[in-house]
Amino acid sequence: MKRLGNGRRLVLQSGILSLVSLPLLGRNMLSALPPTPDIISKPHGNYPSVSLDLVAEIVGVSHANLDRLKQLVDNRPELSKASWDWGFGDVESAIGAASHTGRADIASYLIQRGASPTIFTMAMLGKADAVKATIDAMPGIQQIAGPHDISLLQHAKTGMETGASNKDNGNRTIDYLLSLGDAVGKQHPAVAEADKKIYLGDYRYGSGEGEGFSVRLNMRGTLSLGRLGKFGGALLKTGHHSFTYNGAPSVHVIFTIADQIASAVTIIEPGFEMKATRVLS
């Protein structure tokens, strides 16, 4: 690393960036470089792709934290298009996060930085004409759910609840979607509060670090399945002690019950099956 006269730093890493002759950059080119407050001496594991931790944080804060999002994206506008897989292919983009939480301010910022609005964004903003035009052009698209299996209609309702769309436009959008009869998304039976405790706990499929799952209640009080010790996606009930993972209809989560409590969980996805045994406390 060499400190330049104007106080900027340039990282020279063999195999990553090679500058044969530093003067060739020129004073004008150096002045155009963005500031680098944090110098990382070693690339992360999946370089030259963007750090997975950074992608996860961008999508995470796009749900509710505009200030932090700006810190991450202002100097890297390409990251406004970041997407994250929350599990089993439940992929969510940054603008998708803002759309289902009704954050018009975050969605607007992401669009300014280069993200593409979706029909879910339009529904959240109460853009009834744009939603109708899209569905007219692609009939049936209203049946497709967004991230986490959140329906197009629910995006419109959330926009109304948060004030992302004004009352007139929001009501027009909701009324139009209701008139279609199939924009509500797939409905799943609720799990009784008394029954949730049957499934809560940790399940292991191996003895190594992280080799297991945790079933917990998320912030909405819904059962969720995640990596061992972590929260994950919601479990949507499909039958007796059987569930699907939100946003991944091909994934089936089936609990084995013994003495009125789950003793194991089996996760079945196309071409793969994994059984994990409950960890007794």
C-alpha atoms as a PDB file:
ATOM      1  CA  MET A   1       0.000   0.000   0.000  1.00  0.00           C
ATOM      2  CA  LYS A   2       1.365   3.409  -0.902  1.00  0.00           C
ATOM      3  CA  ARG A   3       0.105   6.728   0.459  1.00  0.00           C
ATOM      4  CA  LEU A   4      -0.318   9.289  -2.302  1.00  0.00           C
ATOM      5  CA  GLY A   5       0.431  12.966  -1.928  1.00  0.00           C
ATOM      6  CA  ASN A   6      -3.235  14.016  -1.819  1.00  0.00           C
ATOM      7  CA  GLY A   7      -3.958  11.693   1.101  1.00  0.00           C
ATOM      8  CA  ARG A   8      -5.771   9.011  -0.924  1.00  0.00           C
ATOM      9  CA  ARG A   9      -4.762   5.382  -0.704  1.00  0.00           C
ATOM     10  CA  LEU A  10      -4.429   2.830  -3.410  1.00  0.00           C
ATOM     11  CA  VAL A  11      -4.415  -0.864  -2.646  1.00  0.00           C
ATOM     12  CA  LEU A  12      -2.101  -2.968  -4.746  1.00  0.00           C
ATOM     13  CA  GLN A  13      -2.905  -6.653  -4.560  1.00  0.00           C
ATOM     14  CA  SER A  14      -1.118  -9.257  -6.636  1.00  0.00           C
ATOM     15  CA  GLY A  15      -3.545 -11.146  -8.851  1.00  0.00           C
ATOM     16  CA  ILE A  16      -6.347  -8.633  -8.174  1.00  0.00           C
ATOM     17  CA  LEU A  17      -5.085  -5.219  -9.288  1.00  0.00           C
ATOM     18  CA  SER A  18      -1.790  -4.559 -11.003  1.00  0.00           C
ATOM     19  CA  LEU A  19      -0.604  -1.032 -11.844  1.00  0.00           C
ATOM     20  CA  VAL A  20       2.526  -1.162 -13.967  1.00  0.00           C
ATOM     21  CA  SER A  21       3.191   2.539 -13.767  1.00  0.00           C
ATOM     22  CA  LEU A  22       1.440   4.588 -11.103  1.00  0.00           C
ATOM     23  CA  PRO A  23       2.042   7.934 -12.891  1.00  0.00           C
ATOM     24  CA  LEU A  24      -0.020   6.642 -15.832  1.00  0.00           C
ATOM     25  CA  LEU A  25      -3.148   7.094 -13.725  1.00  0.00           C
ATOM     26  CA  GLY A  26      -2.700  10.810 -13.809  1.00  0.00           C
ATOM     27  CA  ARG A  27      -3.823  13.405 -11.297  1.00  0.00           C
ATOM     28  CA  ASN A  28      -7.304  13.738 -12.844  1.00  0.00           C
ATOM     29  CA  MET A  29      -7.983  10.012 -12.679  1.00  0.00           C
ATOM     30  CA  LEU A  30      -6.872   9.814  -9.076  1.00  0.00           C
ATOM     31  CA  SER A  31      -9.146  12.702  -8.105  1.00  0.00           C
ATOM     32  CA  ALA A  32     -12.089  10.788  -9.592  1.00  0.00           C
ATOM     33  CA  LEU A  33     -11.538   7.750  -7.387  1.00  0.00           C
ATOM     34  CA  PRO A  34     -14.098   7.410  -4.566  1.00  0.00           C
ATOM     35  CA  PRO A  35     -12.795   7.792  -1.008  1.00  0.00           C
ATOM     36  CA  THR A  36     -11.683   4.563   0.621  1.00  0.00           C
ATOM     37  CA  PRO A  37     -12.123   4.991   4.381  1.00  0.00           C
ATOM     38  CA  ASP A  38     -11.612   1.281   5.054  1.00  0.00           C
ATOM     39  CA  ILE A  39      -8.771  -0.555   3.378  1.00  0.00           C
ATOM     40  CA  ILE A  40      -9.180  -4.329   3.284  1.00  0.00           C
ATOM     41  CA  SER A  41      -5.853  -6.102   2.911  1.00  0.00           C
ATOM     42  CA  LYS A  42      -7.309  -9.423   1.818  1.00  0.00           C
ATOM     43  CA  PRO A  43     -10.290 -10.235  -0.447  1.00  0.00           C
ATOM     44  CA  HIS A  44     -13.275 -12.119   0.928  1.00  0.00           C
ATOM     45  CA  GLY A  45     -13.937 -15.756   0.028  1.00  0.00           C
ATOM     46  CA  ASN A  46     -16.111 -15.282  -3.065  1.00  0.00           C
ATOM     47  CA  TYR A  47     -14.167 -12.343  -4.580  1.00  0.00           C
ATOM     48  CA  PRO A  48     -14.589 -10.864  -7.208  1.00  0.00           C
ATOM     49  CA  SER A  49     -18.299 -11.293  -6.494  1.00  0.00           C
ATOM     50  CA  VAL A  50     -19.765  -8.920  -3.930  1.00  0.00           C
ATOM     51  CA  SER A  51     -19.426 -10.067  -0.326  1.00  0.00           C
ATOM     52  CA  LEU A  52     -22.431 -12.175   0.678  1.00  0.00           C
ATOM     53  CA  ASP A  53     -22.523 -10.413   4.047  1.00  0.00           C
ATOM     54  CA  LEU A  54     -22.840  -7.069   2.260  1.00  0.00           C
ATOM     55  CA  VAL A  55     -25.614  -8.322  -0.021  1.00  0.00           C
ATOM     56  CA  ALA A  56     -27.517  -9.741   2.949  1.00  0.00           C
ATOM     57  CA  GLU A  57     -27.224  -6.449   4.831  1.00  0.00           C
ATOM     58  CA  ILE A  58     -28.373  -4.368   1.864  1.00  0.00           C
ATOM     59  CA  VAL A  59     -31.505  -6.449   1.369  1.00  0.00           C
ATOM     60  CA  GLY A  60     -32.069  -6.574   5.123  1.00  0.00           C
ATOM     61  CA  VAL A  61     -31.907  -2.811   5.683  1.00  0.00           C
ATOM     62  CA  SER A  62     -34.043  -2.211   2.580  1.00  0.00           C
ATOM     63  CA  HIS A  63     -36.987  -3.333   4.688  1.00  0.00           C
ATOM     64  CA  ALA A  64     -36.784  -0.369   7.055  1.00  0.00           C
ATOM     65  CA  ASN A  65     -33.457   1.499   7.383  1.00  0.00           C
ATOM     66  CA  LEU A  66     -32.949   4.157   4.704  1.00  0.00           C
ATOM     67  CA  ASP A  67     -30.016   5.844   6.430  1.00  0.00           C
ATOM     68  CA  ARG A  68     -27.953   2.664   6.601  1.00  0.00           C
ATOM     69  CA  LEU A  69     -28.945   1.740   3.052  1.00  0.00           C
ATOM     70  CA  LYS A  70     -27.570   5.054   1.790  1.00  0.00           C
ATOM     71  CA  GLN A  71     -24.285   4.414   3.572  1.00  0.00           C
ATOM     72  CA  LEU A  72     -23.961   1.113   1.730  1.00  0.00           C
ATOM     73  CA  VAL A  73     -25.225   2.109  -1.730  1.00  0.00           C
ATOM     74  CA  ASP A  74     -24.447   5.819  -2.272  1.00  0.00           C
ATOM     75  CA  ASN A  75     -20.929   5.092  -3.545  1.00  0.00           C
ATOM     76  CA  ARG A  76     -21.872   1.766  -5.137  1.00  0.00           C
ATOM     77  CA  PRO A  77     -25.156   2.345  -7.023  1.00  0.00           C
ATOM     78  CA  GLU A  78     -24.955  -1.071  -8.695  1.00  0.00           C
ATOM     79  CA  LEU A  79     -25.765  -2.590  -5.313  1.00  0.00           C
ATOM     80  CA  SER A  80     -29.259  -1.075  -5.465  1.00  0.00           C
ATOM     81  CA  LYS A  81     -30.088  -4.199  -7.485  1.00  0.00           C
ATOM     82  CA  ALA A  82     -28.854  -6.636  -4.812  1.00  0.00           C
ATOM     83  CA  SER A  83     -30.876  -9.805  -4.183  1.00  0.00           C
ATOM     84  CA  TRP A  84     -30.655 -12.370  -1.390  1.00  0.00           C
ATOM     85  CA  ASP A  85     -31.814 -15.978  -1.041  1.00  0.00           C
ATOM     86  CA  TRP A  86     -33.415 -16.308   2.390  1.00  0.00           C
ATOM     87  CA  GLY A  87     -33.586 -20.074   1.993  1.00  0.00           C
ATOM     88  CA  PHE A  88     -34.593 -22.719  -0.550  1.00  0.00           C
ATOM     89  CA  GLY A  89     -34.860 -20.128  -3.340  1.00  0.00           C
ATOM     90  CA  ASP A  90     -36.999 -17.545  -1.528  1.00  0.00           C
ATOM     91  CA  VAL A  91     -35.136 -14.783  -3.346  1.00  0.00           C
ATOM     92  CA  GLU A  92     -35.788 -11.153  -2.441  1.00  0.00           C
ATOM     93  CA  SER A  93     -34.369  -8.028  -4.045  1.00  0.00           C
ATOM     94  CA  ALA A  94     -33.717  -4.797  -2.181  1.00  0.00           C
ATOM     95  CA  ILE A  95     -36.644  -3.109  -3.924  1.00  0.00           C
ATOM     96  CA  GLY A  96     -38.752  -6.195  -3.242  1.00  0.00           C
ATOM     97  CA  ALA A  97     -38.075  -5.705   0.476  1.00  0.00           C
ATOM     98  CA  ALA A  98     -39.114  -2.050   0.331  1.00  0.00           C
ATOM     99  CA  SER A  99     -42.209  -2.962  -1.689  1.00  0.00           C
ATOM    100  CA  HIS A 100     -43.676  -5.496   0.723  1.00  0.00           C
ATOM    101  CA  THR A 101     -42.977  -3.329   3.782  1.00  0.00           C
ATOM    102  CA  GLY A 102     -44.610  -0.261   2.230  1.00  0.00           C
ATOM    103  CA  ARG A 103     -41.465   1.877   2.314  1.00  0.00           C
ATOM    104  CA  ALA A 104     -42.020   4.270  -0.587  1.00  0.00           C
ATOM    105  CA  ASP A 105     -39.012   6.345   0.480  1.00  0.00           C
ATOM    106  CA  ILE A 106     -36.657   3.364   0.281  1.00  0.00           C
ATOM    107  CA  ALA A 107     -38.143   2.199  -3.029  1.00  0.00           C
ATOM    108  CA  SER A 108     -37.733   5.711  -4.474  1.00  0.00           C
ATOM    109  CA  TYR A 109     -34.092   5.866  -3.361  1.00  0.00           C
ATOM    110  CA  LEU A 110     -33.324   2.452  -4.866  1.00  0.00           C
ATOM    111  CA  ILE A 111     -34.929   3.455  -8.171  1.00  0.00           C
ATOM    112  CA  GLN A 112     -32.845   6.630  -8.223  1.00  0.00           C
ATOM    113  CA  ARG A 113     -29.726   4.501  -7.784  1.00  0.00           C
ATOM    114  CA  GLY A 114     -30.666   2.112 -10.594  1.00  0.00           C
ATOM    115  CA  ALA A 115     -33.075  -0.547  -9.287  1.00  0.00           C
ATOM    116  CA  SER A 116     -36.022  -1.519 -11.483  1.00  0.00           C
ATOM    117  CA  PRO A 117     -39.513  -1.147 -10.002  1.00  0.00           C
ATOM    118  CA  THR A 118     -41.728  -4.226 -10.240  1.00  0.00           C
ATOM    119  CA  ILE A 119     -45.473  -4.745 -10.358  1.00  0.00           C
ATOM    120  CA  PHE A 120     -45.271  -5.239  -6.576  1.00  0.00           C
ATOM    121  CA  THR A 121     -43.656  -1.802  -6.251  1.00  0.00           C
ATOM    122  CA  MET A 122     -46.437  -0.308  -8.369  1.00  0.00           C
ATOM    123  CA  ALA A 123     -49.117  -1.991  -6.258  1.00  0.00           C
ATOM    124  CA  MET A 124     -47.528  -0.723  -3.035  1.00  0.00           C
ATOM    125  CA  LEU A 125     -47.412   2.829  -4.445  1.00  0.00           C
ATOM    126  CA  GLY A 126     -51.037   2.669  -5.561  1.00  0.00           C
ATOM    127  CA  LYS A 127     -50.196   2.980  -9.258  1.00  0.00           C
ATOM    128  CA  ALA A 128     -53.503   1.429 -10.338  1.00  0.00           C
ATOM    129  CA  ASP A 129     -53.140   2.266 -14.031  1.00  0.00           C
ATOM    130  CA  ALA A 130     -49.638   0.763 -14.207  1.00  0.00           C
ATOM    131  CA  VAL A 131     -50.756  -2.388 -12.375  1.00  0.00           C
ATOM    132  CA  LYS A 132     -53.766  -2.780 -14.677  1.00  0.00           C
ATOM    133  CA  ALA A 133     -51.689  -2.183 -17.820  1.00  0.00           C
ATOM    134  CA  THR A 134     -49.169  -4.824 -16.749  1.00  0.00           C
ATOM    135  CA  ILE A 135     -51.863  -7.387 -16.043  1.00  0.00           C
ATOM    136  CA  ASP A 136     -53.635  -6.556 -19.312  1.00  0.00           C
ATOM    137  CA  ALA A 137     -50.354  -7.192 -21.130  1.00  0.00           C
ATOM    138  CA  MET A 138     -49.619 -10.400 -19.200  1.00  0.00           C
ATOM    139  CA  PRO A 139     -52.917 -11.951 -18.043  1.00  0.00           C
ATOM    140  CA  GLY A 140     -52.584 -14.102 -14.963  1.00  0.00           C
ATOM    141  CA  ILE A 141     -49.514 -12.345 -13.593  1.00  0.00           C
ATOM    142  CA  GLN A 142     -51.608 -11.187 -10.630  1.00  0.00           C
ATOM    143  CA  GLN A 143     -51.557 -14.754  -9.333  1.00  0.00           C
ATOM    144  CA  ILE A 144     -47.778 -14.712  -8.866  1.00  0.00           C
ATOM    145  CA  ALA A 145     -46.664 -13.989  -5.312  1.00  0.00           C
ATOM    146  CA  GLY A 146     -43.671 -11.884  -4.384  1.00  0.00           C
ATOM    147  CA  PRO A 147     -40.893 -12.701  -1.894  1.00  0.00           C
ATOM    148  CA  HIS A 148     -41.997 -14.765   1.107  1.00  0.00           C
ATOM    149  CA  ASP A 149     -45.211 -15.703  -0.767  1.00  0.00           C
ATOM    150  CA  ILE A 150     -46.652 -12.211  -0.212  1.00  0.00           C
ATOM    151  CA  SER A 151     -49.457 -11.584  -2.681  1.00  0.00           C
ATOM    152  CA  LEU A 152     -49.862  -8.662  -5.061  1.00  0.00           C
ATOM    153  CA  LEU A 153     -53.024  -7.639  -3.209  1.00  0.00           C
ATOM    154  CA  GLN A 154     -51.201  -7.601   0.126  1.00  0.00           C
ATOM    155  CA  HIS A 155     -48.572  -5.263  -1.326  1.00  0.00           C
ATOM    156  CA  ALA A 156     -51.348  -2.832  -2.251  1.00  0.00           C
ATOM    157  CA  LYS A 157     -52.914  -3.105   1.203  1.00  0.00           C
ATOM    158  CA  THR A 158     -49.569  -2.535   2.917  1.00  0.00           C
ATOM    159  CA  GLY A 159     -49.024   0.587   0.792  1.00  0.00           C
ATOM    160  CA  MET A 160     -52.317   1.955   2.067  1.00  0.00           C
ATOM    161  CA  GLU A 161     -51.508   1.087   5.676  1.00  0.00           C
ATOM    162  CA  THR A 162     -48.113   2.822   5.593  1.00  0.00           C
ATOM    163  CA  GLY A 163     -49.227   5.848   3.574  1.00  0.00           C
ATOM    164  CA  ALA A 164     -47.063   4.888   0.608  1.00  0.00           C
ATOM    165  CA  SER A 165     -50.121   5.425  -1.600  1.00  0.00           C
ATOM    166  CA  ASN A 166     -52.799   8.033  -1.074  1.00  0.00           C
ATOM    167  CA  LYS A 167     -56.292   6.896  -0.173  1.00  0.00           C
ATOM    168  CA  ASP A 168     -57.859   7.314  -3.614  1.00  0.00           C
ATOM    169  CA  ASN A 169     -55.084   5.608  -5.566  1.00  0.00           C
ATOM    170  CA  GLY A 170     -54.672   2.892  -2.978  1.00  0.00           C
ATOM    171  CA  ASN A 171     -58.375   2.089  -2.970  1.00  0.00           C
ATOM    172  CA  ARG A 172     -58.466   2.031  -6.769  1.00  0.00           C
ATOM    173  CA  THR A 173     -55.603  -0.462  -6.823  1.00  0.00           C
ATOM    174  CA  ILE A 174     -57.120  -2.673  -4.140  1.00  0.00           C
ATOM    175  CA  ASP A 175     -60.583  -2.605  -5.698  1.00  0.00           C
ATOM    176  CA  TYR A 176     -59.169  -3.526  -9.095  1.00  0.00           C
ATOM    177  CA  LEU A 177     -57.145  -6.444  -7.702  1.00  0.00           C
ATOM    178  CA  LEU A 178     -60.122  -7.694  -5.692  1.00  0.00           C
ATOM    179  CA  SER A 179     -62.254  -7.587  -8.858  1.00  0.00           C
ATOM    180  CA  LEU A 180     -59.879 -10.083 -10.489  1.00  0.00           C
ATOM    181  CA  GLY A 181     -60.638 -12.662  -7.834  1.00  0.00           C
ATOM    182  CA  ASP A 182     -57.213 -14.319  -7.878  1.00  0.00           C
ATOM    183  CA  ALA A 183     -54.696 -11.713  -6.704  1.00  0.00           C
ATOM    184  CA  VAL A 184     -54.973 -12.659  -3.046  1.00  0.00           C
ATOM    185  CA  GLY A 185     -52.416 -15.474  -3.227  1.00  0.00           C
ATOM    186  CA  LYS A 186     -52.573 -18.966  -1.813  1.00  0.00           C
ATOM    187  CA  GLN A 187     -54.103 -19.178   1.654  1.00  0.00           C
ATOM    188  CA  HIS A 188     -52.795 -21.528   4.329  1.00  0.00           C
ATOM    189  CA  PRO A 189     -54.538 -22.652   7.513  1.00  0.00           C
ATOM    190  CA  ALA A 190     -53.354 -21.037  10.722  1.00  0.00           C
ATOM    191  CA  VAL A 191     -51.480 -22.974  13.382  1.00  0.00           C
ATOM    192  CA  ALA A 192     -53.229 -22.775  16.752  1.00  0.00           C
ATOM    193  CA  GLU A 193     -51.194 -20.989  19.412  1.00  0.00           C
ATOM    194  CA  ALA A 194     -51.260 -24.053  21.659  1.00  0.00           C
ATOM    195  CA  ASP A 195     -49.899 -26.232  18.847  1.00  0.00           C
ATOM    196  CA  LYS A 196     -46.873 -24.064  17.982  1.00  0.00           C
ATOM    197  CA  LYS A 197     -44.883 -25.308  20.976  1.00  0.00           C
ATOM    198  CA  ILE A 198     -45.044 -28.836  19.533  1.00  0.00           C
ATOM    199  CA  TYR A 199     -42.494 -27.869  16.870  1.00  0.00           C
ATOM    200  CA  LEU A 200     -40.247 -25.287  18.583  1.00  0.00           C
ATOM    201  CA  GLY A 201     -36.651 -26.328  19.200  1.00  0.00           C
ATOM    202  CA  ASP A 202     -33.362 -27.332  17.592  1.00  0.00           C
ATOM    203  CA  TYR A 203     -32.922 -30.279  15.235  1.00  0.00           C
ATOM    204  CA  ARG A 204     -29.615 -31.815  14.160  1.00  0.00           C
ATOM    205  CA  TYR A 205     -28.622 -33.870  11.117  1.00  0.00           C
ATOM    206  CA  GLY A 206     -24.916 -34.004  12.088  1.00  0.00           C
ATOM    207  CA  SER A 207     -22.554 -33.262  14.945  1.00  0.00           C
ATOM    208  CA  GLY A 208     -20.593 -30.516  13.194  1.00  0.00           C
ATOM    209  CA  GLU A 209     -20.969 -26.809  13.788  1.00  0.00           C
ATOM    210  CA  GLY A 210     -24.152 -25.503  12.196  1.00  0.00           C
ATOM    211  CA  GLU A 211     -25.368 -28.946  11.094  1.00  0.00           C
ATOM    212  CA  GLY A 212     -28.983 -28.529  12.005  1.00  0.00           C
ATOM    213  CA  PHE A 213     -32.071 -26.346  12.009  1.00  0.00           C
ATOM    214  CA  SER A 214     -33.925 -24.219  14.514  1.00  0.00           C
ATOM    215  CA  VAL A 215     -37.686 -23.814  14.570  1.00  0.00           C
ATOM    216  CA  ARG A 216     -38.643 -20.545  16.225  1.00  0.00           C
ATOM    217  CA  LEU A 217     -41.399 -17.954  16.261  1.00  0.00           C
ATOM    218  CA  ASN A 218     -40.614 -14.955  14.065  1.00  0.00           C
ATOM    219  CA  MET A 219     -41.578 -11.369  14.840  1.00  0.00           C
ATOM    220  CA  ARG A 220     -45.106 -12.022  13.543  1.00  0.00           C
ATOM    221  CA  GLY A 221     -45.518 -15.020  15.855  1.00  0.00           C
ATOM    222  CA  THR A 222     -45.346 -17.427  12.925  1.00  0.00           C
ATOM    223  CA  LEU A 223     -43.349 -20.665  12.950  1.00  0.00           C
ATOM    224  CA  SER A 224     -40.083 -20.286  11.067  1.00  0.00           C
ATOM    225  CA  LEU A 225     -37.264 -22.631  10.124  1.00  0.00           C
ATOM    226  CA  GLY A 226     -33.689 -21.428   9.855  1.00  0.00           C
ATOM    227  CA  ARG A 227     -30.082 -22.495  10.225  1.00  0.00           C
ATOM    228  CA  LEU A 228     -29.149 -23.799  13.662  1.00  0.00           C
ATOM    229  CA  GLY A 229     -29.533 -20.952  16.145  1.00  0.00           C
ATOM    230  CA  LYS A 230     -30.960 -18.598  13.508  1.00  0.00           C
ATOM    231  CA  PHE A 231     -34.339 -17.368  12.378  1.00  0.00           C
ATOM    232  CA  GLY A 232     -35.461 -18.345   8.904  1.00  0.00           C
ATOM    233  CA  GLY A 233     -38.429 -18.309   6.577  1.00  0.00           C
ATOM    234  CA  ALA A 234     -41.978 -18.882   7.711  1.00  0.00           C
ATOM    235  CA  LEU A 235     -43.484 -22.355   7.713  1.00  0.00           C
ATOM    236  CA  LEU A 236     -46.892 -22.411   6.012  1.00  0.00           C
ATOM    237  CA  LYS A 237     -49.209 -25.224   7.057  1.00  0.00           C
ATOM    238  CA  THR A 238     -50.272 -27.637   4.332  1.00  0.00           C
ATOM    239  CA  GLY A 239     -51.563 -30.601   6.347  1.00  0.00           C
ATOM    240  CA  HIS A 240     -51.284 -32.604   9.551  1.00  0.00           C
ATOM    241  CA  HIS A 241     -47.821 -31.714  10.926  1.00  0.00           C
ATOM    242  CA  SER A 242     -46.716 -30.784   7.389  1.00  0.00           C
ATOM    243  CA  PHE A 243     -45.667 -27.408   6.063  1.00  0.00           C
ATOM    244  CA  THR A 244     -44.100 -25.680   3.091  1.00  0.00           C
ATOM    245  CA  TYR A 245     -41.315 -23.096   3.294  1.00  0.00           C
ATOM    246  CA  ASN A 246     -42.514 -19.622   2.332  1.00  0.00           C
ATOM    247  CA  GLY A 247     -41.553 -18.648  -1.177  1.00  0.00           C
ATOM    248  CA  ALA A 248     -40.543 -22.231  -2.024  1.00  0.00           C
ATOM    249  CA  PRO A 249     -43.662 -24.311  -2.800  1.00  0.00           C
ATOM    250  CA  SER A 250     -41.592 -27.344  -3.872  1.00  0.00           C
ATOM    251  CA  VAL A 251     -40.084 -27.668  -0.374  1.00  0.00           C
ATOM    252  CA  HIS A 252     -41.995 -29.772   2.159  1.00  0.00           C
ATOM    253  CA  VAL A 253     -41.265 -29.769   5.884  1.00  0.00           C
ATOM    254  CA  ILE A 254     -42.743 -32.752   7.749  1.00  0.00           C
ATOM    255  CA  PHE A 255     -42.503 -33.275  11.509  1.00  0.00           C
ATOM    256  CA  THR A 256     -42.463 -36.662  13.217  1.00  0.00           C
ATOM    257  CA  ILE A 257     -44.517 -36.521  16.410  1.00  0.00           C
ATOM    258  CA  ALA A 258     -43.969 -38.661  19.513  1.00  0.00           C
ATOM    259  CA  ASP A 259     -45.765 -38.111  22.831  1.00  0.00           C
ATOM    260  CA  GLN A 260     -47.373 -34.922  21.485  1.00  0.00           C
ATOM    261  CA  ILE A 261     -44.090 -33.242  20.594  1.00  0.00           C
ATOM    262  CA  ALA A 262     -41.937 -33.228  17.483  1.00  0.00           C
ATOM    263  CA  SER A 263     -39.073 -35.727  17.672  1.00  0.00           C
ATOM    264  CA  ALA A 264     -37.683 -35.083  14.177  1.00  0.00           C
ATOM    265  CA  VAL A 265     -38.176 -32.975  11.072  1.00  0.00           C
ATOM    266  CA  THR A 266     -37.729 -34.088   7.475  1.00  0.00           C
ATOM    267  CA  ILE A 267     -37.143 -31.568   4.709  1.00  0.00           C
ATOM    268  CA  ILE A 268     -37.974 -32.792   1.231  1.00  0.00           C
ATOM    269  CA  GLU A 269     -37.107 -30.881  -1.921  1.00  0.00           C
ATOM    270  CA  PRO A 270     -36.825 -32.138  -5.503  1.00  0.00           C
ATOM    271  CA  GLY A 271     -34.007 -34.665  -5.632  1.00  0.00           C
ATOM    272  CA  PHE A 272     -32.975 -34.282  -2.003  1.00  0.00           C
ATOM    273  CA  GLU A 273     -34.224 -35.260   1.454  1.00  0.00           C
ATOM    274  CA  MET A 274     -32.806 -34.401   4.873  1.00  0.00           C
ATOM    275  CA  LYS A 275     -33.913 -35.676   8.293  1.00  0.00           C
ATOM    276  CA  ALA A 276     -32.880 -33.952  11.511  1.00  0.00           C
ATOM    277  CA  THR A 277     -33.483 -35.210  15.037  1.00  0.00           C
ATOM    278  CA  ARG A 278     -34.706 -32.960  17.827  1.00  0.00           C
ATOM    279  CA  VAL A 279     -32.079 -31.931  20.368  1.00  0.00           C
ATOM    280  CA  LEU A 280     -33.377 -32.691  23.851  1.00  0.00           C
ATOM    281  CA  SER A 281     -32.728 -29.945  26.362  1.00  0.00           C
END
